[in-house]
Amino acid sequence: MTTQARDIERKLNESFLKSEHDLKLVKQKHEEECQNLKRVSEEREKHLQDHITELYRKHDNMEKQYKAYIQAKDRSIEELNADKQKLIKERDDMRDR
């Protein structure tokens, strides 16, 4: 092999090794980006899950408050009706006298 052929072969080998090294760097960078995207995705998913859980908790609390309000309203109506019946009875008793 001539010197020129050896130089070309050496340069090709160096170029191949450099390309191989560059490819490994690109692959490593790609893996890092994938890991970062996965981490960000998991963080966002957890944040959304926490938010959904909080919304369900608020909904449950509002539902309990609404039920308590309805029960209190129903009791008030029953008390008003009882007071009304009592007043009607008193009025009727006064008429009968």
Foldseek 3Di string as FASTA:
>chain_A
DDPVVVVVVVVVVVVVVVVVVVVVVVVVVVVVVVVVVVVVVVVVVVVVVVVVVVVVVVVVVVVVVVVVVVVVVVVVVVVVVVVVVVVVVVVVVVVVD
